[in-house]
PDB file of N, CA and C in Angstrom:
ATOM      1  N   MET A   1      -3.925  24.658 -18.902  1.00  0.00           N
ATOM      2  CA  MET A   1      -2.980  23.581 -19.004  1.00  0.00           C
ATOM      3  C   MET A   1      -3.657  22.239 -19.213  1.00  0.00           C
ATOM      4  N   LYS A   2      -4.097  22.795 -17.714  1.00  0.00           N
ATOM      5  CA  LYS A   2      -5.579  21.054 -17.230  1.00  0.00           C
ATOM      6  C   LYS A   2      -6.313  21.189 -17.811  1.00  0.00           C
ATOM      7  N   GLN A   3      -7.793  21.657 -18.259  1.00  0.00           N
ATOM      8  CA  GLN A   3      -8.257  21.229 -19.538  1.00  0.00           C
ATOM      9  C   GLN A   3      -7.689  20.801 -20.389  1.00  0.00           C
ATOM     10  N   LEU A   4      -6.678  21.685 -21.120  1.00  0.00           N
ATOM     11  CA  LEU A   4      -6.070  20.788 -22.322  1.00  0.00           C
ATOM     12  C   LEU A   4      -5.806  19.466 -22.447  1.00  0.00           C
ATOM     13  N   ILE A   5      -4.612  19.258 -21.002  1.00  0.00           N
ATOM     14  CA  ILE A   5      -4.551  17.434 -20.912  1.00  0.00           C
ATOM     15  C   ILE A   5      -5.652  16.256 -20.159  1.00  0.00           C
ATOM     16  N   LEU A   6      -6.339  17.313 -19.816  1.00  0.00           N
ATOM     17  CA  LEU A   6      -8.004  16.068 -19.517  1.00  0.00           C
ATOM     18  C   LEU A   6      -8.597  15.432 -20.330  1.00  0.00           C
ATOM     19  N   ILE A   7      -8.292  16.851 -21.379  1.00  0.00           N
ATOM     20  CA  ILE A   7      -9.518  16.750 -22.555  1.00  0.00           C
ATOM     21  C   ILE A   7      -8.775  15.727 -24.118  1.00  0.00           C
ATOM     22  N   ILE A   8      -7.204  15.705 -24.049  1.00  0.00           N
ATOM     23  CA  ILE A   8      -6.233  15.385 -24.912  1.00  0.00           C
ATOM     24  C   ILE A   8      -6.360  13.525 -24.317  1.00  0.00           C
ATOM     25  N   PHE A   9      -6.649  13.738 -22.588  1.00  0.00           N
ATOM     26  CA  PHE A   9      -5.709  12.350 -22.221  1.00  0.00           C
ATOM     27  C   PHE A   9      -7.792  11.829 -22.779  1.00  0.00           C
ATOM     28  N   LEU A  10      -8.566  11.996 -22.657  1.00  0.00           N
ATOM     29  CA  LEU A  10     -10.392  11.163 -22.496  1.00  0.00           C
ATOM     30  C   LEU A  10      -9.999  11.217 -24.288  1.00  0.00           C
ATOM     31  N   ALA A  11      -9.369  12.342 -24.579  1.00  0.00           N
ATOM     32  CA  ALA A  11      -9.293  11.703 -26.806  1.00  0.00           C
ATOM     33  C   ALA A  11      -8.746  10.503 -26.785  1.00  0.00           C
ATOM     34  N   THR A  12      -7.742  10.387 -26.425  1.00  0.00           N
ATOM     35  CA  THR A  12      -6.785   9.043 -26.441  1.00  0.00           C
ATOM     36  C   THR A  12      -7.217   7.811 -26.365  1.00  0.00           C
ATOM     37  N   ILE A  13      -7.705   7.824 -25.081  1.00  0.00           N
ATOM     38  CA  ILE A  13      -8.786   6.644 -24.065  1.00  0.00           C
ATOM     39  C   ILE A  13     -10.112   6.435 -25.037  1.00  0.00           C
ATOM     40  N   GLY A  14     -10.850   7.378 -25.433  1.00  0.00           N
ATOM     41  CA  GLY A  14     -11.342   7.153 -26.848  1.00  0.00           C
ATOM     42  C   GLY A  14     -11.601   6.590 -27.461  1.00  0.00           C
ATOM     43  N   SER A  15     -10.065   7.496 -28.382  1.00  0.00           N
ATOM     44  CA  SER A  15      -9.474   6.170 -28.996  1.00  0.00           C
ATOM     45  C   SER A  15      -9.704   4.732 -29.507  1.00  0.00           C
ATOM     46  N   ILE A  16      -8.684   5.191 -27.786  1.00  0.00           N
ATOM     47  CA  ILE A  16      -8.554   3.248 -27.670  1.00  0.00           C
ATOM     48  C   ILE A  16      -9.713   2.528 -27.964  1.00  0.00           C
ATOM     49  N   ILE A  17     -10.293   2.467 -26.643  1.00  0.00           N
ATOM     50  CA  ILE A  17     -11.409   1.670 -26.840  1.00  0.00           C
ATOM     51  C   ILE A  17     -12.657   1.819 -27.533  1.00  0.00           C
ATOM     52  N   ALA A  18     -12.584   2.797 -28.348  1.00  0.00           N
ATOM     53  CA  ALA A  18     -13.301   2.851 -29.765  1.00  0.00           C
ATOM     54  C   ALA A  18     -13.070   1.831 -30.545  1.00  0.00           C
ATOM     55  N   GLY A  19     -11.761   1.724 -30.856  1.00  0.00           N
ATOM     56  CA  GLY A  19     -10.256   0.625 -31.948  1.00  0.00           C
ATOM     57  C   GLY A  19     -10.791  -0.836 -31.505  1.00  0.00           C
ATOM     58  N   PHE A  20     -11.179  -1.041 -30.017  1.00  0.00           N
ATOM     59  CA  PHE A  20     -10.769  -2.355 -29.580  1.00  0.00           C
ATOM     60  C   PHE A  20     -12.965  -2.842 -29.682  1.00  0.00           C
ATOM     61  N   THR A  21     -13.416  -1.124 -29.870  1.00  0.00           N
ATOM     62  CA  THR A  21     -14.808  -2.350 -29.230  1.00  0.00           C
ATOM     63  C   THR A  21     -15.527  -1.772 -31.131  1.00  0.00           C
ATOM     64  N   LEU A  22     -15.326  -1.130 -32.323  1.00  0.00           N
ATOM     65  CA  LEU A  22     -15.583  -0.640 -33.211  1.00  0.00           C
ATOM     66  C   LEU A  22     -15.292  -2.079 -34.185  1.00  0.00           C
ATOM     67  N   ASP A  23     -15.710  -2.892 -35.819  1.00  0.00           N
ATOM     68  CA  ASP A  23     -15.416  -3.549 -36.315  1.00  0.00           C
ATOM     69  C   ASP A  23     -15.045  -2.870 -37.230  1.00  0.00           C
ATOM     70  N   VAL A  24     -14.655  -2.018 -37.314  1.00  0.00           N
ATOM     71  CA  VAL A  24     -14.011  -1.551 -38.533  1.00  0.00           C
ATOM     72  C   VAL A  24     -12.400  -1.473 -39.172  1.00  0.00           C
ATOM     73  N   PRO A  25     -12.755  -1.472 -40.518  1.00  0.00           N
ATOM     74  CA  PRO A  25     -11.115  -1.964 -41.368  1.00  0.00           C
ATOM     75  C   PRO A  25      -9.900  -0.752 -40.096  1.00  0.00           C
ATOM     76  N   TYR A  26      -9.762   0.106 -40.058  1.00  0.00           N
ATOM     77  CA  TYR A  26      -9.080   0.854 -39.118  1.00  0.00           C
ATOM     78  C   TYR A  26      -8.955   0.499 -37.296  1.00  0.00           C
ATOM     79  N   ALA A  27      -9.410   0.021 -36.954  1.00  0.00           N
ATOM     80  CA  ALA A  27      -9.089  -0.147 -35.829  1.00  0.00           C
ATOM     81  C   ALA A  27      -8.393   0.203 -35.168  1.00  0.00           C
ATOM     82  N   GLU A  28      -7.523  -1.392 -35.533  1.00  0.00           N
ATOM     83  CA  GLU A  28      -5.628  -0.836 -35.110  1.00  0.00           C
ATOM     84  C   GLU A  28      -4.601  -0.151 -34.998  1.00  0.00           C
ATOM     85  N   LYS A  29      -4.599   1.221 -36.420  1.00  0.00           N
ATOM     86  CA  LYS A  29      -4.400   2.256 -36.498  1.00  0.00           C
ATOM     87  C   LYS A  29      -4.936   3.222 -34.943  1.00  0.00           C
ATOM     88  N   LEU A  30      -6.477   3.503 -34.397  1.00  0.00           N
ATOM     89  CA  LEU A  30      -7.380   4.100 -33.265  1.00  0.00           C
ATOM     90  C   LEU A  30      -6.632   3.618 -32.382  1.00  0.00           C
ATOM     91  N   ILE A  31      -5.678   1.713 -31.894  1.00  0.00           N
ATOM     92  CA  ILE A  31      -5.492   1.879 -31.004  1.00  0.00           C
ATOM     93  C   ILE A  31      -4.347   2.591 -30.933  1.00  0.00           C
ATOM     94  N   GLY A  32      -3.296   2.326 -32.165  1.00  0.00           N
ATOM     95  CA  GLY A  32      -2.407   2.946 -32.040  1.00  0.00           C
ATOM     96  C   GLY A  32      -2.139   4.699 -31.892  1.00  0.00           C
ATOM     97  N   PHE A  33      -2.855   5.054 -32.364  1.00  0.00           N
ATOM     98  CA  PHE A  33      -2.540   6.772 -32.404  1.00  0.00           C
ATOM     99  C   PHE A  33      -2.526   7.004 -30.801  1.00  0.00           C
ATOM    100  N   GLY A  34      -3.672   6.524 -30.090  1.00  0.00           N
ATOM    101  CA  GLY A  34      -4.180   6.135 -29.143  1.00  0.00           C
ATOM    102  C   GLY A  34      -2.652   6.454 -28.041  1.00  0.00           C
ATOM    103  N   VAL A  35      -2.425   4.936 -28.263  1.00  0.00           N
ATOM    104  CA  VAL A  35      -1.384   4.900 -27.371  1.00  0.00           C
ATOM    105  C   VAL A  35      -0.029   5.426 -27.226  1.00  0.00           C
ATOM    106  N   ILE A  36      -0.060   5.823 -29.117  1.00  0.00           N
ATOM    107  CA  ILE A  36       1.012   6.663 -29.136  1.00  0.00           C
ATOM    108  C   ILE A  36       1.314   8.080 -28.528  1.00  0.00           C
ATOM    109  N   SER A  37      -0.084   8.622 -28.632  1.00  0.00           N
ATOM    110  CA  SER A  37      -0.463  10.149 -28.079  1.00  0.00           C
ATOM    111  C   SER A  37      -0.647   9.792 -26.576  1.00  0.00           C
ATOM    112  N   LEU A  38      -0.597   8.779 -26.550  1.00  0.00           N
ATOM    113  CA  LEU A  38      -0.744   8.939 -24.728  1.00  0.00           C
ATOM    114  C   LEU A  38       0.610   9.100 -24.282  1.00  0.00           C
ATOM    115  N   PHE A  39       1.014   7.990 -25.242  1.00  0.00           N
ATOM    116  CA  PHE A  39       2.099   8.768 -23.896  1.00  0.00           C
ATOM    117  C   PHE A  39       3.694   9.203 -25.283  1.00  0.00           C
ATOM    118  N   VAL A  40       3.128   9.877 -25.818  1.00  0.00           N
ATOM    119  CA  VAL A  40       4.276  11.424 -27.146  1.00  0.00           C
ATOM    120  C   VAL A  40       3.617  12.067 -26.512  1.00  0.00           C
ATOM    121  N   ILE A  41       2.123  12.508 -26.308  1.00  0.00           N
ATOM    122  CA  ILE A  41       1.587  14.268 -25.011  1.00  0.00           C
ATOM    123  C   ILE A  41       1.707  13.865 -24.682  1.00  0.00           C
ATOM    124  N   VAL A  42       0.165  13.649 -24.068  1.00  0.00           N
ATOM    125  CA  VAL A  42      -0.116  13.479 -22.914  1.00  0.00           C
ATOM    126  C   VAL A  42       0.500  13.195 -21.445  1.00  0.00           C
ATOM    127  N   PHE A  43       1.526  12.269 -21.516  1.00  0.00           N
ATOM    128  CA  PHE A  43       2.418  12.084 -20.393  1.00  0.00           C
ATOM    129  C   PHE A  43       3.964  13.171 -20.594  1.00  0.00           C
ATOM    130  N   PRO A  44       3.930  13.663 -21.727  1.00  0.00           N
ATOM    131  CA  PRO A  44       4.997  14.700 -21.649  1.00  0.00           C
ATOM    132  C   PRO A  44       4.515  16.059 -21.042  1.00  0.00           C
ATOM    133  N   LEU A  45       2.644  16.377 -21.414  1.00  0.00           N
ATOM    134  CA  LEU A  45       2.407  17.643 -20.888  1.00  0.00           C
ATOM    135  C   LEU A  45       2.482  17.586 -19.285  1.00  0.00           C
ATOM    136  N   PHE A  46       1.841  16.477 -18.993  1.00  0.00           N
ATOM    137  CA  PHE A  46       1.316  16.191 -17.880  1.00  0.00           C
ATOM    138  C   PHE A  46       3.078  16.109 -16.228  1.00  0.00           C
ATOM    139  N   SER A  47       3.571  16.039 -16.688  1.00  0.00           N
ATOM    140  CA  SER A  47       4.783  16.004 -16.556  1.00  0.00           C
ATOM    141  C   SER A  47       5.305  17.674 -16.168  1.00  0.00           C
ATOM    142  N   TYR A  48       5.497  17.792 -17.771  1.00  0.00           N
ATOM    143  CA  TYR A  48       5.726  19.759 -17.144  1.00  0.00           C
ATOM    144  C   TYR A  48       4.514  20.327 -16.903  1.00  0.00           C
ATOM    145  N   TYR A  49       3.950  20.243 -16.931  1.00  0.00           N
ATOM    146  CA  TYR A  49       2.993  20.618 -16.121  1.00  0.00           C
ATOM    147  C   TYR A  49       2.336  20.361 -14.306  1.00  0.00           C
ATOM    148  N   ARG A  50       3.042  19.669 -13.664  1.00  0.00           N
ATOM    149  CA  ARG A  50       3.555  18.874 -12.455  1.00  0.00           C
ATOM    150  C   ARG A  50       4.616  19.529 -12.054  1.00  0.00           C
ATOM    151  N   TRP A  51       5.293  19.492 -12.443  1.00  0.00           N
ATOM    152  CA  TRP A  51       6.639  19.896 -11.822  1.00  0.00           C
ATOM    153  C   TRP A  51       7.511  21.073 -12.739  1.00  0.00           C
ATOM    154  N   LYS A  52       6.452  22.061 -13.387  1.00  0.00           N
ATOM    155  CA  LYS A  52       6.675  23.401 -13.732  1.00  0.00           C
ATOM    156  C   LYS A  52       7.390  24.344 -12.753  1.00  0.00           C
ATOM    157  N   ASP A  53       7.169  24.159 -11.645  1.00  0.00           N
ATOM    158  CA  ASP A  53       7.257  25.616 -10.054  1.00  0.00           C
ATOM    159  C   ASP A  53       7.652  24.340  -8.789  1.00  0.00           C
ATOM    160  N   LYS A  54       8.322  23.130  -9.474  1.00  0.00           N
ATOM    161  CA  LYS A  54       8.892  22.677  -8.593  1.00  0.00           C
ATOM    162  C   LYS A  54      10.620  23.031  -8.608  1.00  0.00           C
ATOM    163  N   LYS A  55      11.120  23.094  -7.390  1.00  0.00           N
ATOM    164  CA  LYS A  55      13.307  23.342  -7.731  1.00  0.00           C
ATOM    165  C   LYS A  55      13.701  21.806  -7.518  1.00  0.00           C
ATOM    166  N   LEU A  56      14.155  21.394  -8.594  1.00  0.00           N
ATOM    167  CA  LEU A  56      14.697  19.580  -8.233  1.00  0.00           C
ATOM    168  C   LEU A  56      15.773  19.631  -7.527  1.00  0.00           C
ATOM    169  N   GLU A  57      16.384  20.740  -6.976  1.00  0.00           N
ATOM    170  CA  GLU A  57      17.883  20.766  -6.028  1.00  0.00           C
ATOM    171  C   GLU A  57      16.419  20.446  -4.256  1.00  0.00           C
ATOM    172  N   ASP A  58      15.439  20.180  -4.143  1.00  0.00           N
ATOM    173  CA  ASP A  58      14.800  20.086  -3.544  1.00  0.00           C
ATOM    174  C   ASP A  58      14.465  18.250  -3.081  1.00  0.00           C
ATOM    175  N   TYR A  59      15.107  17.657  -4.372  1.00  0.00           N
ATOM    176  CA  TYR A  59      14.056  16.057  -4.279  1.00  0.00           C
ATOM    177  C   TYR A  59      15.919  15.509  -4.511  1.00  0.00           C
ATOM    178  N   MET A  60      16.314  16.027  -4.742  1.00  0.00           N
ATOM    179  CA  MET A  60      18.297  15.659  -4.529  1.00  0.00           C
ATOM    180  C   MET A  60      19.003  14.794  -2.741  1.00  0.00           C
ATOM    181  N   LEU A  61      20.086  14.198  -2.631  1.00  0.00           N
ATOM    182  CA  LEU A  61      20.171  14.180  -2.012  1.00  0.00           C
ATOM    183  C   LEU A  61      21.866  14.107  -1.718  1.00  0.00           C
ATOM    184  N   THR A  62      21.646  15.950  -0.696  1.00  0.00           N
ATOM    185  CA  THR A  62      22.414  16.540  -1.415  1.00  0.00           C
ATOM    186  C   THR A  62      23.033  16.557   0.355  1.00  0.00           C
ATOM    187  N   LYS A  63      23.903  17.158   0.710  1.00  0.00           N
ATOM    188  CA  LYS A  63      24.867  17.526   2.504  1.00  0.00           C
ATOM    189  C   LYS A  63      23.723  18.146   2.777  1.00  0.00           C
ATOM    190  N   GLU A  64      23.499  18.941   2.506  1.00  0.00           N
ATOM    191  CA  GLU A  64      22.155  19.612   3.139  1.00  0.00           C
ATOM    192  C   GLU A  64      21.267  19.037   2.904  1.00  0.00           C
ATOM    193  N   ASN A  65      20.198  18.503   2.381  1.00  0.00           N
ATOM    194  CA  ASN A  65      19.355  17.333   2.488  1.00  0.00           C
ATOM    195  C   ASN A  65      19.288  16.333   3.062  1.00  0.00           C
ATOM    196  N   LEU A  66      20.904  15.731   3.414  1.00  0.00           N
ATOM    197  CA  LEU A  66      21.013  15.002   3.810  1.00  0.00           C
ATOM    198  C   LEU A  66      20.396  15.375   5.540  1.00  0.00           C
ATOM    199  N   GLU A  67      21.070  15.995   6.016  1.00  0.00           N
ATOM    200  CA  GLU A  67      20.944  16.953   7.367  1.00  0.00           C
ATOM    201  C   GLU A  67      19.592  17.218   7.866  1.00  0.00           C
ATOM    202  N   LYS A  68      19.076  17.879   7.451  1.00  0.00           N
ATOM    203  CA  LYS A  68      18.016  17.917   7.005  1.00  0.00           C
ATOM    204  C   LYS A  68      17.501  16.543   7.153  1.00  0.00           C
ATOM    205  N   MET A  69      17.466  16.008   6.604  1.00  0.00           N
ATOM    206  CA  MET A  69      16.938  14.792   6.757  1.00  0.00           C
ATOM    207  C   MET A  69      17.501  13.628   8.005  1.00  0.00           C
ATOM    208  N   ARG A  70      17.847  14.034   8.908  1.00  0.00           N
ATOM    209  CA  ARG A  70      18.783  13.480  10.137  1.00  0.00           C
ATOM    210  C   ARG A  70      18.494  14.533  10.867  1.00  0.00           C
ATOM    211  N   LYS A  71      18.111  15.532  10.981  1.00  0.00           N
ATOM    212  CA  LYS A  71      17.932  16.142  11.758  1.00  0.00           C
ATOM    213  C   LYS A  71      15.662  16.085  12.272  1.00  0.00           C
ATOM    214  N   ARG A  72      15.234  15.983  11.104  1.00  0.00           N
ATOM    215  CA  ARG A  72      13.964  15.471  11.438  1.00  0.00           C
ATOM    216  C   ARG A  72      13.537  14.197  11.643  1.00  0.00           C
ATOM    217  N   GLU A  73      14.489  13.199  11.129  1.00  0.00           N
ATOM    218  CA  GLU A  73      14.212  11.971  12.017  1.00  0.00           C
ATOM    219  C   GLU A  73      15.263  11.676  13.795  1.00  0.00           C
ATOM    220  N   GLY A  74      15.634  13.129  13.975  1.00  0.00           N
ATOM    221  CA  GLY A  74      16.321  13.242  15.763  1.00  0.00           C
ATOM    222  C   GLY A  74      15.328  13.920  16.293  1.00  0.00           C
ATOM    223  N   ASP A  75      13.861  15.014  15.551  1.00  0.00           N
ATOM    224  CA  ASP A  75      13.156  15.603  15.981  1.00  0.00           C
ATOM    225  C   ASP A  75      11.841  14.148  16.521  1.00  0.00           C
ATOM    226  N   ALA A  76      11.485  13.556  15.305  1.00  0.00           N
ATOM    227  CA  ALA A  76      10.962  12.532  15.794  1.00  0.00           C
ATOM    228  C   ALA A  76      10.793  11.509  16.642  1.00  0.00           C
ATOM    229  N   ARG A  77      12.142  11.344  16.772  1.00  0.00           N
ATOM    230  CA  ARG A  77      12.254   9.930  18.139  1.00  0.00           C
ATOM    231  C   ARG A  77      12.057  11.132  19.410  1.00  0.00           C
ATOM    232  N   LYS A  78      12.595  11.960  19.791  1.00  0.00           N
ATOM    233  CA  LYS A  78      12.497  12.571  20.820  1.00  0.00           C
ATOM    234  C   LYS A  78      11.265  12.538  21.143  1.00  0.00           C
ATOM    235  N   LEU A  79       9.568  12.128  20.131  1.00  0.00           N
ATOM    236  CA  LEU A  79       8.611  12.417  20.507  1.00  0.00           C
ATOM    237  C   LEU A  79       7.847  11.919  21.179  1.00  0.00           C
TER     238      LEU A  79
END
């Protein structure tokens, strides 16, 4: 999955750079397809890859998590 994301990312960046540097009639389409694929394909794949094994509850401000934070803050002040 990591290699797939990297390959698609490099292809989209290459498409954007080629659109800016090449003097062809479809240069604007290269830039457009590169930007669209970056935001529609690469970013969602990257987000899924980074968050797939994480628990959402660990990042929410619940009463238990607030108590843990207060306890850690109190322990840190004692040092």
